[in-house]
Amino acid sequence: MTSSDKPGHAADAPAETTGATGANETTGVAVVADRDWASAAADPQYRAAVVDLLGALAYGELAAFERLAEDAKLAPTLADKAELAKMASAEFHHFERLRDRLAEIGEEPTEAMEPFVAAYDGFHKQTDPSDWLEGLVKAYVGDSIASDFYREVAARLDADTRELVLAVLDDTGHAGFAVEKVRAAIDADPRVGGRLALWARRLMGEALSQSQRVVADRDALSTMLVGGVADGFDLAEVGRMFSRITEAHTKRMAALGLAA
C-alpha cells in the first residue's frame, strides 16, 4: 500500500512542504516540524495522532507485503515473480520498523493497527485485481495515492517521526517495474490501455474514499492534518489536500501511458 513512485515525487513536493505547512501559518498554530518526539509527545492529542498514523502505516505495509506475495503468483515469468518477492520483502521490513517504533514509544502495535484493519481490508476486497497487469497498476497507482496522503500528514510531524514515515514511504522499486511492464503491454496491444485506464480510475475513487474515512473517523489525526484549527476539521484545507493528491495521480497515469 505504501510504496511510492519516483515519477510522482515532483508533484509530492508541494504537499510535503508549502501546501501542508501553510495551514499552520494561517491559523497561527505552533508548528511541531522543528521539534523532536520527546518534546512534541508532551501533547496527548499529538501523541494520539502519531499512534494512529503509525498504526495505519504499519497495517498498510503488512497488507502490502501480503498482496505483493499474492501478486507474485500471477507473474508471467520467473524473473517477474522474483522481482515481486523482493518488493514484498521490502514492505515487510517497513512494517517491522513501524512495529518496533510503536513498541519503543510504549504502544502495543496490534492495538494501534486494529482501527485500520477494516478500511484497508475493505479497499483490497473492492479492488482485487483480475490479472497481472491490474495488480501492477494497483500497486503503482493505488499505493501511491495512499503514500501521497501520508506525506501530507508527515509535513506536520516532529522531526523524528517524520524521518521514519518518509523512510517507510520510500519506493521499493515497484514504480519503474510497473511502468516498464504496463507500457510494454500497451505497446503490444493498445486495447489494453483502455481497460487499465478504467481500472485506475476505480482505484483512485476507492483510495480517496478510504483516505477520507480515515481522516473523518480519527479525531486526533484529522485535527493534526488540518493544523489544529479550533473546529478540528477544516473542509477547505482537506479539499486542497485531495486536489494535490489528484494532480499527482494524473502525472502517474501519464507515466503509465494511460488517460486519467
C-alpha atoms as a PDB file:
ATOM      1  CA  MET A   1       0.000   0.000   0.000  1.00  0.00           C
ATOM      2  CA  THR A   2       2.657   2.404   0.886  1.00  0.00           C
ATOM      3  CA  SER A   3       5.333   2.045  -1.763  1.00  0.00           C
ATOM      4  CA  SER A   4       5.737   5.352  -3.540  1.00  0.00           C
ATOM      5  CA  ASP A   5       6.884   6.208  -7.020  1.00  0.00           C
ATOM      6  CA  LYS A   6       9.743   8.408  -8.046  1.00  0.00           C
ATOM      7  CA  PRO A   7       7.957   9.934 -11.080  1.00  0.00           C
ATOM      8  CA  GLY A   8       5.363  11.397  -8.746  1.00  0.00           C
ATOM      9  CA  HIS A   9       7.803  12.979  -6.306  1.00  0.00           C
ATOM     10  CA  ALA A  10       7.895  16.278  -8.126  1.00  0.00           C
ATOM     11  CA  ALA A  11       4.178  16.522  -7.586  1.00  0.00           C
ATOM     12  CA  ASP A  12       4.582  15.411  -3.973  1.00  0.00           C
ATOM     13  CA  ALA A  13       6.954  18.213  -3.009  1.00  0.00           C
ATOM     14  CA  PRO A  14       4.318  20.936  -2.525  1.00  0.00           C
ATOM     15  CA  ALA A  15       2.267  18.566  -0.393  1.00  0.00           C
ATOM     16  CA  GLU A  16       5.257  17.879   1.838  1.00  0.00           C
ATOM     17  CA  THR A  17       6.172  21.482   2.377  1.00  0.00           C
ATOM     18  CA  THR A  18       4.323  24.542   1.120  1.00  0.00           C
ATOM     19  CA  GLY A  19       0.830  23.106   0.797  1.00  0.00           C
ATOM     20  CA  ALA A  20       0.636  21.413   4.158  1.00  0.00           C
ATOM     21  CA  THR A  21       2.571  23.815   6.341  1.00  0.00           C
ATOM     22  CA  GLY A  22       0.614  26.781   5.050  1.00  0.00           C
ATOM     23  CA  ALA A  23      -2.381  25.787   7.149  1.00  0.00           C
ATOM     24  CA  ASN A  24      -0.278  26.077  10.287  1.00  0.00           C
ATOM     25  CA  GLU A  25       0.907  29.508   9.290  1.00  0.00           C
ATOM     26  CA  THR A  26      -2.567  30.872   8.599  1.00  0.00           C
ATOM     27  CA  THR A  27      -4.092  29.509  11.804  1.00  0.00           C
ATOM     28  CA  GLY A  28      -1.209  30.618  13.977  1.00  0.00           C
ATOM     29  CA  VAL A  29      -0.801  27.157  15.439  1.00  0.00           C
ATOM     30  CA  ALA A  30       2.703  26.263  16.555  1.00  0.00           C
ATOM     31  CA  VAL A  31       4.490  24.041  14.062  1.00  0.00           C
ATOM     32  CA  VAL A  32       5.979  20.865  15.511  1.00  0.00           C
ATOM     33  CA  ALA A  33       8.134  20.109  12.481  1.00  0.00           C
ATOM     34  CA  ASP A  34      11.248  21.518  14.137  1.00  0.00           C
ATOM     35  CA  ARG A  35      10.707  19.636  17.411  1.00  0.00           C
ATOM     36  CA  ASP A  36      11.736  16.129  18.412  1.00  0.00           C
ATOM     37  CA  TRP A  37       9.420  13.353  19.538  1.00  0.00           C
ATOM     38  CA  ALA A  38      10.101  13.766  23.259  1.00  0.00           C
ATOM     39  CA  SER A  39       9.052  17.401  23.126  1.00  0.00           C
ATOM     40  CA  ALA A  40       6.090  17.057  20.781  1.00  0.00           C
ATOM     41  CA  ALA A  41       4.650  13.984  22.518  1.00  0.00           C
ATOM     42  CA  ALA A  42       4.002  16.003  25.679  1.00  0.00           C
ATOM     43  CA  ASP A  43       0.752  17.000  23.947  1.00  0.00           C
ATOM     44  CA  PRO A  44      -1.583  13.993  24.433  1.00  0.00           C
ATOM     45  CA  GLN A  45      -3.628  14.809  21.324  1.00  0.00           C
ATOM     46  CA  TYR A  46      -0.491  14.935  19.190  1.00  0.00           C
ATOM     47  CA  ARG A  47       0.715  11.655  20.656  1.00  0.00           C
ATOM     48  CA  ALA A  48      -2.643  10.031  19.874  1.00  0.00           C
ATOM     49  CA  ALA A  49      -2.443  11.277  16.284  1.00  0.00           C
ATOM     50  CA  VAL A  50       1.040   9.823  15.807  1.00  0.00           C
ATOM     51  CA  VAL A  51      -0.008   6.472  17.258  1.00  0.00           C
ATOM     52  CA  ASP A  52      -2.913   6.440  14.792  1.00  0.00           C
ATOM     53  CA  LEU A  53      -0.626   7.319  11.925  1.00  0.00           C
ATOM     54  CA  LEU A  54       1.982   4.689  12.757  1.00  0.00           C
ATOM     55  CA  GLY A  55      -0.730   2.094  13.297  1.00  0.00           C
ATOM     56  CA  ALA A  56      -2.319   2.853   9.924  1.00  0.00           C
ATOM     57  CA  LEU A  57       1.027   2.745   8.164  1.00  0.00           C
ATOM     58  CA  ALA A  58       2.084  -0.467   9.883  1.00  0.00           C
ATOM     59  CA  TYR A  59      -1.038  -2.327   8.836  1.00  0.00           C
ATOM     60  CA  GLY A  60      -0.771  -0.850   5.355  1.00  0.00           C
ATOM     61  CA  GLU A  61       2.756  -2.193   4.993  1.00  0.00           C
ATOM     62  CA  LEU A  62       1.733  -5.601   6.297  1.00  0.00           C
ATOM     63  CA  ALA A  63      -1.172  -5.702   3.841  1.00  0.00           C
ATOM     64  CA  ALA A  64       1.151  -4.612   1.019  1.00  0.00           C
ATOM     65  CA  PHE A  65       3.517  -7.462   1.852  1.00  0.00           C
ATOM     66  CA  GLU A  66       0.668  -9.969   1.713  1.00  0.00           C
ATOM     67  CA  ARG A  67      -0.709  -8.558  -1.543  1.00  0.00           C
ATOM     68  CA  LEU A  68       2.628  -8.495  -3.352  1.00  0.00           C
ATOM     69  CA  ALA A  69       3.258 -12.076  -2.314  1.00  0.00           C
ATOM     70  CA  GLU A  70      -0.124 -12.999  -3.806  1.00  0.00           C
ATOM     71  CA  ASP A  71       0.513 -10.954  -6.959  1.00  0.00           C
ATOM     72  CA  ALA A  72       3.747 -12.875  -7.498  1.00  0.00           C
ATOM     73  CA  LYS A  73       1.611 -15.926  -8.235  1.00  0.00           C
ATOM     74  CA  LEU A  74       0.197 -14.106 -11.276  1.00  0.00           C
ATOM     75  CA  ALA A  75       3.628 -13.187 -12.641  1.00  0.00           C
ATOM     76  CA  PRO A  76       4.151 -14.433 -16.206  1.00  0.00           C
ATOM     77  CA  THR A  77       7.872 -15.188 -15.783  1.00  0.00           C
ATOM     78  CA  LEU A  78      10.176 -16.433 -13.063  1.00  0.00           C
ATOM     79  CA  ALA A  79      12.105 -13.145 -13.184  1.00  0.00           C
ATOM     80  CA  ASP A  80       8.904 -11.178 -12.585  1.00  0.00           C
ATOM     81  CA  LYS A  81       7.979 -13.461  -9.704  1.00  0.00           C
ATOM     82  CA  ALA A  82      11.377 -12.914  -8.097  1.00  0.00           C
ATOM     83  CA  GLU A  83      11.090  -9.132  -8.527  1.00  0.00           C
ATOM     84  CA  LEU A  84       7.746  -9.027  -6.743  1.00  0.00           C
ATOM     85  CA  ALA A  85       9.056 -11.264  -3.975  1.00  0.00           C
ATOM     86  CA  LYS A  86      11.900  -8.797  -3.407  1.00  0.00           C
ATOM     87  CA  MET A  87       9.431  -5.910  -3.198  1.00  0.00           C
ATOM     88  CA  ALA A  88       7.249  -7.853  -0.770  1.00  0.00           C
ATOM     89  CA  SER A  89      10.290  -8.374   1.449  1.00  0.00           C
ATOM     90  CA  ALA A  90      10.994  -4.618   1.432  1.00  0.00           C
ATOM     91  CA  GLU A  91       7.417  -3.907   2.506  1.00  0.00           C
ATOM     92  CA  PHE A  92       7.740  -6.336   5.401  1.00  0.00           C
ATOM     93  CA  HIS A  93      10.923  -4.615   6.572  1.00  0.00           C
ATOM     94  CA  HIS A  94       8.991  -1.325   6.541  1.00  0.00           C
ATOM     95  CA  PHE A  95       6.314  -2.955   8.683  1.00  0.00           C
ATOM     96  CA  GLU A  96       8.947  -4.145  11.149  1.00  0.00           C
ATOM     97  CA  ARG A  97      10.344  -0.626  11.538  1.00  0.00           C
ATOM     98  CA  LEU A  98       6.897   0.787  12.296  1.00  0.00           C
ATOM     99  CA  ARG A  99       6.034  -2.058  14.653  1.00  0.00           C
ATOM    100  CA  ASP A 100       9.290  -1.583  16.531  1.00  0.00           C
ATOM    101  CA  ARG A 101       8.754   2.167  16.779  1.00  0.00           C
ATOM    102  CA  LEU A 102       5.293   1.708  18.271  1.00  0.00           C
ATOM    103  CA  ALA A 103       6.734  -0.652  20.865  1.00  0.00           C
ATOM    104  CA  GLU A 104       9.571   1.779  21.560  1.00  0.00           C
ATOM    105  CA  ILE A 105       7.145   4.579  22.472  1.00  0.00           C
ATOM    106  CA  GLY A 106       5.169   2.260  24.750  1.00  0.00           C
ATOM    107  CA  GLU A 107       2.300   1.293  22.446  1.00  0.00           C
ATOM    108  CA  GLU A 108       1.045  -2.189  21.615  1.00  0.00           C
ATOM    109  CA  PRO A 109       1.477  -2.486  17.809  1.00  0.00           C
ATOM    110  CA  THR A 110      -1.528  -4.730  17.205  1.00  0.00           C
ATOM    111  CA  GLU A 111      -3.795  -2.403  19.172  1.00  0.00           C
ATOM    112  CA  ALA A 112      -2.528   0.577  17.185  1.00  0.00           C
ATOM    113  CA  MET A 113      -3.194  -1.221  13.888  1.00  0.00           C
ATOM    114  CA  GLU A 114      -6.620  -2.631  14.739  1.00  0.00           C
ATOM    115  CA  PRO A 115      -8.720   0.514  13.992  1.00  0.00           C
ATOM    116  CA  PHE A 116      -7.486   0.496  10.384  1.00  0.00           C
ATOM    117  CA  VAL A 117      -7.917  -3.163   9.506  1.00  0.00           C
ATOM    118  CA  ALA A 118     -11.475  -2.807   8.211  1.00  0.00           C
ATOM    119  CA  ALA A 119     -10.667   0.156   5.957  1.00  0.00           C
ATOM    120  CA  TYR A 120      -7.618  -1.488   4.387  1.00  0.00           C
ATOM    121  CA  ASP A 121      -9.235  -4.889   4.022  1.00  0.00           C
ATOM    122  CA  GLY A 122     -12.316  -3.265   2.526  1.00  0.00           C
ATOM    123  CA  PHE A 123     -10.217  -1.422  -0.031  1.00  0.00           C
ATOM    124  CA  HIS A 124      -8.367  -4.562  -1.066  1.00  0.00           C
ATOM    125  CA  LYS A 125     -11.600  -6.547  -1.266  1.00  0.00           C
ATOM    126  CA  GLN A 126     -13.154  -3.917  -3.538  1.00  0.00           C
ATOM    127  CA  THR A 127     -10.057  -3.716  -5.748  1.00  0.00           C
ATOM    128  CA  ASP A 128      -8.970  -7.316  -6.145  1.00  0.00           C
ATOM    129  CA  PRO A 129      -7.046  -7.443  -9.461  1.00  0.00           C
ATOM    130  CA  SER A 130      -8.185  -9.948 -12.070  1.00  0.00           C
ATOM    131  CA  ASP A 131      -4.806 -10.332 -13.735  1.00  0.00           C
ATOM    132  CA  TRP A 132      -1.113  -9.478 -13.619  1.00  0.00           C
ATOM    133  CA  LEU A 133      -1.413  -6.048 -15.229  1.00  0.00           C
ATOM    134  CA  GLU A 134      -4.232  -4.924 -12.956  1.00  0.00           C
ATOM    135  CA  GLY A 135      -2.106  -5.955  -9.998  1.00  0.00           C
ATOM    136  CA  LEU A 136       0.787  -3.823 -11.232  1.00  0.00           C
ATOM    137  CA  VAL A 137      -1.448  -0.801 -11.784  1.00  0.00           C
ATOM    138  CA  LYS A 138      -2.974  -1.226  -8.355  1.00  0.00           C
ATOM    139  CA  ALA A 139       0.419  -1.293  -6.643  1.00  0.00           C
ATOM    140  CA  TYR A 140       1.661   1.702  -8.641  1.00  0.00           C
ATOM    141  CA  VAL A 141      -1.443   3.894  -8.648  1.00  0.00           C
ATOM    142  CA  GLY A 142      -3.371   2.794  -5.580  1.00  0.00           C
ATOM    143  CA  ASP A 143      -0.426   2.590  -3.214  1.00  0.00           C
ATOM    144  CA  SER A 144       0.974   5.891  -4.433  1.00  0.00           C
ATOM    145  CA  ILE A 145      -2.289   7.694  -3.668  1.00  0.00           C
ATOM    146  CA  ALA A 146      -2.057   6.406  -0.110  1.00  0.00           C
ATOM    147  CA  SER A 147       1.592   7.478   0.064  1.00  0.00           C
ATOM    148  CA  ASP A 148       0.659  10.988  -1.069  1.00  0.00           C
ATOM    149  CA  PHE A 149      -1.921  11.177   1.708  1.00  0.00           C
ATOM    150  CA  TYR A 150       0.586  10.120   4.353  1.00  0.00           C
ATOM    151  CA  ARG A 151       3.165  12.589   3.050  1.00  0.00           C
ATOM    152  CA  GLU A 152       0.622  15.343   3.630  1.00  0.00           C
ATOM    153  CA  VAL A 153       0.388  14.199   7.233  1.00  0.00           C
ATOM    154  CA  ALA A 154       4.179  13.844   7.522  1.00  0.00           C
ATOM    155  CA  ALA A 155       4.621  17.565   6.920  1.00  0.00           C
ATOM    156  CA  ARG A 156       3.019  18.139  10.333  1.00  0.00           C
ATOM    157  CA  LEU A 157       5.116  15.671  12.295  1.00  0.00           C
ATOM    158  CA  ASP A 158       8.015  16.083  14.677  1.00  0.00           C
ATOM    159  CA  ALA A 159      11.416  15.527  13.086  1.00  0.00           C
ATOM    160  CA  ASP A 160      11.925  12.011  14.499  1.00  0.00           C
ATOM    161  CA  THR A 161       8.553  10.679  13.403  1.00  0.00           C
ATOM    162  CA  ARG A 162       8.679  12.428  10.045  1.00  0.00           C
ATOM    163  CA  GLU A 163      12.016  10.798   9.231  1.00  0.00           C
ATOM    164  CA  LEU A 164      10.599   7.341   9.922  1.00  0.00           C
ATOM    165  CA  VAL A 165       7.375   7.936   7.995  1.00  0.00           C
ATOM    166  CA  LEU A 166       9.150   9.224   4.896  1.00  0.00           C
ATOM    167  CA  ALA A 167      11.586   6.298   5.037  1.00  0.00           C
ATOM    168  CA  VAL A 168       8.824   3.684   5.002  1.00  0.00           C
ATOM    169  CA  LEU A 169       7.051   5.517   2.188  1.00  0.00           C
ATOM    170  CA  ASP A 170      10.149   5.284   0.014  1.00  0.00           C
ATOM    171  CA  ASP A 171       9.945   3.458  -3.296  1.00  0.00           C
ATOM    172  CA  THR A 172      10.523  -0.289  -3.085  1.00  0.00           C
ATOM    173  CA  GLY A 173      11.271  -0.473  -6.816  1.00  0.00           C
ATOM    174  CA  HIS A 174       7.709  -1.119  -7.898  1.00  0.00           C
ATOM    175  CA  ALA A 175       7.324   2.199  -9.730  1.00  0.00           C
ATOM    176  CA  GLY A 176       9.843   1.682 -12.507  1.00  0.00           C
ATOM    177  CA  PHE A 177       8.973  -2.003 -12.758  1.00  0.00           C
ATOM    178  CA  ALA A 178       5.231  -1.293 -13.151  1.00  0.00           C
ATOM    179  CA  VAL A 179       5.738   1.486 -15.697  1.00  0.00           C
ATOM    180  CA  GLU A 180       8.015  -0.693 -17.820  1.00  0.00           C
ATOM    181  CA  LYS A 181       5.669  -3.692 -17.829  1.00  0.00           C
ATOM    182  CA  VAL A 182       2.441  -1.746 -18.364  1.00  0.00           C
ATOM    183  CA  ARG A 183       3.860   0.357 -21.196  1.00  0.00           C
ATOM    184  CA  ALA A 184       5.186  -2.769 -22.891  1.00  0.00           C
ATOM    185  CA  ALA A 185       1.771  -4.412 -22.651  1.00  0.00           C
ATOM    186  CA  ILE A 186       0.050  -1.368 -24.158  1.00  0.00           C
ATOM    187  CA  ASP A 187       2.594  -1.209 -26.982  1.00  0.00           C
ATOM    188  CA  ALA A 188       1.896  -4.866 -27.732  1.00  0.00           C
ATOM    189  CA  ASP A 189      -1.894  -4.401 -27.612  1.00  0.00           C
ATOM    190  CA  PRO A 190      -3.219  -0.807 -27.439  1.00  0.00           C
ATOM    191  CA  ARG A 191      -6.649  -2.087 -26.394  1.00  0.00           C
ATOM    192  CA  VAL A 192      -5.153  -2.953 -23.005  1.00  0.00           C
ATOM    193  CA  GLY A 193      -4.762   0.751 -22.298  1.00  0.00           C
ATOM    194  CA  GLY A 194      -8.488   1.451 -22.200  1.00  0.00           C
ATOM    195  CA  ARG A 195      -9.184  -1.355 -19.750  1.00  0.00           C
ATOM    196  CA  LEU A 196      -6.348  -0.348 -17.449  1.00  0.00           C
ATOM    197  CA  ALA A 197      -7.357   3.319 -17.548  1.00  0.00           C
ATOM    198  CA  LEU A 198     -10.843   2.409 -16.295  1.00  0.00           C
ATOM    199  CA  TRP A 199      -9.282   0.217 -13.617  1.00  0.00           C
ATOM    200  CA  ALA A 200      -7.009   3.042 -12.473  1.00  0.00           C
ATOM    201  CA  ARG A 201      -9.968   5.432 -12.194  1.00  0.00           C
ATOM    202  CA  ARG A 202     -11.753   2.922  -9.999  1.00  0.00           C
ATOM    203  CA  LEU A 203      -8.647   2.617  -7.823  1.00  0.00           C
ATOM    204  CA  MET A 204      -8.488   6.392  -7.500  1.00  0.00           C
ATOM    205  CA  GLY A 205     -12.065   6.607  -6.259  1.00  0.00           C
ATOM    206  CA  GLU A 206     -11.689   3.764  -3.785  1.00  0.00           C
ATOM    207  CA  ALA A 207      -8.361   5.031  -2.431  1.00  0.00           C
ATOM    208  CA  LEU A 208      -9.657   8.566  -1.878  1.00  0.00           C
ATOM    209  CA  SER A 209     -12.765   7.237  -0.154  1.00  0.00           C
ATOM    210  CA  GLN A 210     -10.594   5.165   2.157  1.00  0.00           C
ATOM    211  CA  SER A 211      -8.347   8.132   2.994  1.00  0.00           C
ATOM    212  CA  GLN A 212     -11.333  10.360   3.699  1.00  0.00           C
ATOM    213  CA  ARG A 213     -12.820   7.764   6.039  1.00  0.00           C
ATOM    214  CA  VAL A 214      -9.554   7.524   7.954  1.00  0.00           C
ATOM    215  CA  VAL A 215      -9.439  11.290   8.407  1.00  0.00           C
ATOM    216  CA  ALA A 216     -13.086  11.584   9.406  1.00  0.00           C
ATOM    217  CA  ASP A 217     -13.040   8.684  11.861  1.00  0.00           C
ATOM    218  CA  ARG A 218      -9.886   9.567  13.797  1.00  0.00           C
ATOM    219  CA  ASP A 219     -10.297  12.921  15.536  1.00  0.00           C
ATOM    220  CA  ALA A 220      -6.690  13.402  16.653  1.00  0.00           C
ATOM    221  CA  LEU A 221      -5.341  12.590  13.199  1.00  0.00           C
ATOM    222  CA  SER A 222      -7.788  14.864  11.384  1.00  0.00           C
ATOM    223  CA  THR A 223      -7.060  17.760  13.734  1.00  0.00           C
ATOM    224  CA  MET A 224      -3.315  17.419  13.185  1.00  0.00           C
ATOM    225  CA  LEU A 225      -3.788  17.132   9.425  1.00  0.00           C
ATOM    226  CA  VAL A 226      -5.569  20.475   9.155  1.00  0.00           C
ATOM    227  CA  GLY A 227      -3.221  22.264  11.514  1.00  0.00           C
ATOM    228  CA  GLY A 228      -5.135  22.001  14.765  1.00  0.00           C
ATOM    229  CA  VAL A 229      -7.743  24.628  13.894  1.00  0.00           C
ATOM    230  CA  ALA A 230     -10.297  25.399  16.554  1.00  0.00           C
ATOM    231  CA  ASP A 231     -13.154  23.477  14.954  1.00  0.00           C
ATOM    232  CA  GLY A 232     -10.883  20.467  14.394  1.00  0.00           C
ATOM    233  CA  PHE A 233     -11.867  19.831  10.763  1.00  0.00           C
ATOM    234  CA  ASP A 234     -11.246  22.425   8.048  1.00  0.00           C
ATOM    235  CA  LEU A 235     -13.052  21.122   4.967  1.00  0.00           C
ATOM    236  CA  ALA A 236     -11.407  23.702   2.705  1.00  0.00           C
ATOM    237  CA  GLU A 237      -7.906  22.588   3.686  1.00  0.00           C
ATOM    238  CA  VAL A 238      -8.827  18.925   3.318  1.00  0.00           C
ATOM    239  CA  GLY A 239     -10.224  19.750  -0.134  1.00  0.00           C
ATOM    240  CA  ARG A 240      -6.952  21.392  -1.160  1.00  0.00           C
ATOM    241  CA  MET A 241      -5.035  18.377   0.087  1.00  0.00           C
ATOM    242  CA  PHE A 242      -7.071  15.972  -2.013  1.00  0.00           C
ATOM    243  CA  SER A 243      -6.678  18.264  -5.026  1.00  0.00           C
ATOM    244  CA  ARG A 244      -2.910  17.931  -4.717  1.00  0.00           C
ATOM    245  CA  ILE A 245      -3.245  14.154  -4.477  1.00  0.00           C
ATOM    246  CA  THR A 246      -5.414  14.123  -7.610  1.00  0.00           C
ATOM    247  CA  GLU A 247      -2.839  16.171  -9.557  1.00  0.00           C
ATOM    248  CA  ALA A 248      -0.101  13.709  -8.615  1.00  0.00           C
ATOM    249  CA  HIS A 249      -2.322  10.831  -9.734  1.00  0.00           C
ATOM    250  CA  THR A 250      -2.771  12.435 -13.155  1.00  0.00           C
ATOM    251  CA  LYS A 251       1.005  12.587 -13.604  1.00  0.00           C
ATOM    252  CA  ARG A 252       1.380   8.930 -12.668  1.00  0.00           C
ATOM    253  CA  MET A 253      -1.275   7.952 -15.171  1.00  0.00           C
ATOM    254  CA  ALA A 254       0.673   9.790 -17.847  1.00  0.00           C
ATOM    255  CA  ALA A 255       3.830   7.903 -16.854  1.00  0.00           C
ATOM    256  CA  LEU A 256       1.930   4.650 -17.415  1.00  0.00           C
ATOM    257  CA  GLY A 257       0.699   5.846 -20.795  1.00  0.00           C
ATOM    258  CA  LEU A 258      -2.918   5.939 -19.581  1.00  0.00           C
ATOM    259  CA  ALA A 259      -5.525   8.674 -19.707  1.00  0.00           C
ATOM    260  CA  ALA A 260      -6.587   9.972 -16.283  1.00  0.00           C
END
